[in-house]
Amino acid sequence: MLIARAAEREHKNISDFVLDNALSAAEAILADDANFSLNKKRWQQFLAALDAPPRRIPALRKLLTERSVFDGK
């Protein structure tokens, strides 16, 4: 059985293996739910930040435009 082999490789019994992996999957799914609440003043500040033009950050521009080790040859 595939699950039993994987559990054995992780040095866990099947129940612990399944529970650990189910918890990891649940956390990954729920991590996408970014809920937060703000009072009226903070909400207005948040909206202003979203509407503001982007800041120029030379170091970030350099990082995103120079060749990466992942770009290949």
N, C-alpha and C. Protein backbone atom coordinates (compact mmCIF):
# COMPACT_ATOMS: atom_id res chain seq x y z
N MET A 1 0.85 -1.18 0.00
CA MET A 1 0.00 0.00 0.00
C MET A 1 0.89 1.25 0.00
N LEU A 2 0.60 2.18 -0.87
CA LEU A 2 1.41 3.37 -1.06
C LEU A 2 1.49 4.22 0.21
N ILE A 3 0.37 4.43 0.86
CA ILE A 3 0.35 5.26 2.07
C ILE A 3 1.18 4.62 3.17
N ALA A 4 1.09 3.32 3.31
CA ALA A 4 1.86 2.61 4.34
C ALA A 4 3.36 2.75 4.07
N ARG A 5 3.75 2.65 2.81
CA ARG A 5 5.18 2.79 2.47
C ARG A 5 5.67 4.20 2.77
N ALA A 6 4.86 5.19 2.43
CA ALA A 6 5.26 6.57 2.70
C ALA A 6 5.33 6.84 4.20
N ALA A 7 4.37 6.31 4.96
CA ALA A 7 4.38 6.47 6.41
C ALA A 7 5.62 5.84 7.01
N GLU A 8 5.95 4.65 6.53
CA GLU A 8 7.15 3.97 7.03
C GLU A 8 8.41 4.77 6.73
N ARG A 9 8.47 5.34 5.55
CA ARG A 9 9.63 6.16 5.18
C ARG A 9 9.78 7.37 6.11
N GLU A 10 8.66 7.93 6.56
CA GLU A 10 8.67 9.08 7.47
C GLU A 10 8.76 8.65 8.94
N HIS A 11 8.88 7.34 9.16
CA HIS A 11 8.98 6.79 10.52
C HIS A 11 7.75 7.14 11.35
N LYS A 12 6.57 6.99 10.73
CA LYS A 12 5.30 7.28 11.39
C LYS A 12 4.35 6.12 11.14
N ASN A 13 3.37 6.00 12.04
CA ASN A 13 2.32 5.03 11.73
C ASN A 13 1.37 5.68 10.72
N ILE A 14 0.51 4.86 10.13
CA ILE A 14 -0.37 5.37 9.07
C ILE A 14 -1.27 6.49 9.58
N SER A 15 -1.81 6.34 10.78
CA SER A 15 -2.72 7.38 11.32
C SER A 15 -2.01 8.71 11.46
N ASP A 16 -0.81 8.70 12.06
CA ASP A 16 -0.06 9.96 12.23
C ASP A 16 0.33 10.55 10.88
N PHE A 17 0.73 9.69 9.95
CA PHE A 17 1.12 10.16 8.62
C PHE A 17 -0.06 10.85 7.92
N VAL A 18 -1.21 10.19 7.94
CA VAL A 18 -2.40 10.76 7.29
C VAL A 18 -2.82 12.05 7.97
N LEU A 19 -2.84 12.07 9.30
CA LEU A 19 -3.23 13.27 10.01
C LEU A 19 -2.28 14.43 9.72
N ASP A 20 -0.97 14.18 9.79
CA ASP A 20 0.00 15.25 9.52
C ASP A 20 -0.18 15.81 8.12
N ASN A 21 -0.36 14.95 7.14
CA ASN A 21 -0.49 15.42 5.77
C ASN A 21 -1.84 16.07 5.51
N ALA A 22 -2.88 15.62 6.19
CA ALA A 22 -4.18 16.27 6.07
C ALA A 22 -4.12 17.67 6.68
N LEU A 23 -3.43 17.80 7.81
CA LEU A 23 -3.28 19.12 8.43
C LEU A 23 -2.49 20.06 7.52
N SER A 24 -1.42 19.56 6.91
CA SER A 24 -0.64 20.39 5.98
C SER A 24 -1.48 20.85 4.80
N ALA A 25 -2.28 19.95 4.26
CA ALA A 25 -3.15 20.31 3.14
C ALA A 25 -4.19 21.34 3.56
N ALA A 26 -4.77 21.16 4.73
CA ALA A 26 -5.78 22.10 5.22
C ALA A 26 -5.17 23.48 5.44
N GLU A 27 -3.97 23.52 6.01
CA GLU A 27 -3.30 24.81 6.23
C GLU A 27 -3.02 25.50 4.90
N ALA A 28 -2.57 24.74 3.90
CA ALA A 28 -2.28 25.33 2.59
C ALA A 28 -3.54 25.89 1.95
N ILE A 29 -4.64 25.18 2.08
CA ILE A 29 -5.91 25.65 1.50
C ILE A 29 -6.40 26.91 2.21
N LEU A 30 -6.35 26.90 3.53
CA LEU A 30 -6.86 28.04 4.28
C LEU A 30 -5.93 29.24 4.27
N ALA A 31 -4.67 29.03 3.94
CA ALA A 31 -3.73 30.14 3.86
C ALA A 31 -4.15 31.13 2.77
N ASP A 32 -4.89 30.66 1.79
CA ASP A 32 -5.35 31.53 0.71
C ASP A 32 -6.46 32.47 1.17
N ASP A 33 -7.07 32.19 2.30
CA ASP A 33 -8.13 33.05 2.82
C ASP A 33 -7.50 34.15 3.67
N ALA A 34 -7.24 35.27 3.06
CA ALA A 34 -6.60 36.38 3.78
C ALA A 34 -7.67 37.33 4.29
N ASN A 35 -8.24 36.99 5.42
CA ASN A 35 -9.27 37.83 6.02
C ASN A 35 -8.66 38.75 7.06
N PHE A 36 -9.05 39.98 7.02
CA PHE A 36 -8.63 40.91 8.06
C PHE A 36 -9.68 41.99 8.20
N SER A 37 -9.70 42.63 9.33
CA SER A 37 -10.67 43.72 9.53
C SER A 37 -9.92 44.97 9.96
N LEU A 38 -10.45 46.10 9.55
CA LEU A 38 -9.84 47.39 9.85
C LEU A 38 -10.91 48.35 10.34
N ASN A 39 -10.51 49.25 11.22
CA ASN A 39 -11.46 50.30 11.60
C ASN A 39 -11.53 51.30 10.44
N LYS A 40 -12.43 52.26 10.53
CA LYS A 40 -12.68 53.17 9.41
C LYS A 40 -11.41 53.94 9.01
N LYS A 41 -10.66 54.43 9.99
CA LYS A 41 -9.44 55.20 9.69
C LYS A 41 -8.41 54.33 8.97
N ARG A 42 -8.19 53.14 9.50
CA ARG A 42 -7.21 52.22 8.88
C ARG A 42 -7.68 51.79 7.49
N TRP A 43 -9.00 51.62 7.30
CA TRP A 43 -9.53 51.25 6.00
C TRP A 43 -9.25 52.35 4.98
N GLN A 44 -9.42 53.60 5.37
CA GLN A 44 -9.14 54.72 4.47
C GLN A 44 -7.64 54.76 4.14
N GLN A 45 -6.80 54.50 5.13
CA GLN A 45 -5.35 54.47 4.87
C GLN A 45 -5.00 53.33 3.91
N PHE A 46 -5.63 52.19 4.11
CA PHE A 46 -5.41 51.04 3.23
C PHE A 46 -5.81 51.37 1.79
N LEU A 47 -6.98 51.99 1.61
CA LEU A 47 -7.43 52.37 0.27
C LEU A 47 -6.50 53.39 -0.36
N ALA A 48 -6.02 54.34 0.44
CA ALA A 48 -5.09 55.34 -0.08
C ALA A 48 -3.79 54.68 -0.54
N ALA A 49 -3.32 53.70 0.21
CA ALA A 49 -2.09 52.99 -0.17
C ALA A 49 -2.30 52.22 -1.47
N LEU A 50 -3.47 51.62 -1.64
CA LEU A 50 -3.76 50.89 -2.88
C LEU A 50 -3.85 51.83 -4.07
N ASP A 51 -4.38 53.03 -3.85
CA ASP A 51 -4.56 53.99 -4.94
C ASP A 51 -3.30 54.79 -5.25
N ALA A 52 -2.34 54.78 -4.36
CA ALA A 52 -1.12 55.57 -4.55
C ALA A 52 -0.30 55.00 -5.71
N PRO A 53 0.42 55.87 -6.43
CA PRO A 53 1.28 55.36 -7.50
C PRO A 53 2.41 54.51 -6.89
N PRO A 54 2.93 53.59 -7.67
CA PRO A 54 4.00 52.73 -7.14
C PRO A 54 5.25 53.54 -6.81
N ARG A 55 5.93 53.12 -5.77
CA ARG A 55 7.19 53.77 -5.41
C ARG A 55 8.30 53.25 -6.31
N ARG A 56 9.25 54.10 -6.61
CA ARG A 56 10.42 53.68 -7.39
C ARG A 56 11.48 53.19 -6.40
N ILE A 57 11.86 51.94 -6.56
CA ILE A 57 12.88 51.35 -5.70
C ILE A 57 13.97 50.81 -6.62
N PRO A 58 15.06 51.59 -6.81
CA PRO A 58 16.10 51.20 -7.76
C PRO A 58 16.67 49.80 -7.52
N ALA A 59 16.88 49.42 -6.27
CA ALA A 59 17.44 48.10 -5.99
C ALA A 59 16.48 46.99 -6.44
N LEU A 60 15.19 47.22 -6.27
CA LEU A 60 14.21 46.22 -6.69
C LEU A 60 14.15 46.14 -8.22
N ARG A 61 14.20 47.30 -8.89
CA ARG A 61 14.21 47.29 -10.36
C ARG A 61 15.44 46.53 -10.87
N LYS A 62 16.59 46.77 -10.25
CA LYS A 62 17.81 46.07 -10.66
C LYS A 62 17.65 44.57 -10.47
N LEU A 63 17.14 44.17 -9.32
CA LEU A 63 16.96 42.76 -9.02
C LEU A 63 16.05 42.08 -10.05
N LEU A 64 14.98 42.76 -10.44
CA LEU A 64 14.02 42.15 -11.34
C LEU A 64 14.39 42.24 -12.81
N THR A 65 15.41 43.03 -13.15
CA THR A 65 15.79 43.16 -14.56
C THR A 65 17.12 42.51 -14.89
N GLU A 66 17.92 42.19 -13.90
CA GLU A 66 19.21 41.53 -14.21
C GLU A 66 19.00 40.03 -14.40
N ARG A 67 19.93 39.41 -15.10
CA ARG A 67 19.84 37.98 -15.35
C ARG A 67 19.94 37.22 -14.03
N SER A 68 19.21 36.13 -13.97
CA SER A 68 19.18 35.29 -12.78
C SER A 68 19.94 33.99 -13.05
N VAL A 69 20.35 33.31 -12.01
CA VAL A 69 20.98 32.01 -12.18
C VAL A 69 19.98 31.02 -12.76
N PHE A 70 18.68 31.32 -12.68
CA PHE A 70 17.65 30.44 -13.21
C PHE A 70 17.36 30.71 -14.68
N ASP A 71 17.95 31.77 -15.25
CA ASP A 71 17.69 32.11 -16.65
C ASP A 71 18.42 31.20 -17.63
N GLY A 72 19.38 30.45 -17.18
CA GLY A 72 20.13 29.58 -18.07
C GLY A 72 21.24 30.36 -18.76
N LYS A 73 21.73 29.77 -19.87
CA LYS A 73 22.87 30.38 -20.56
C LYS A 73 22.48 31.39 -21.55
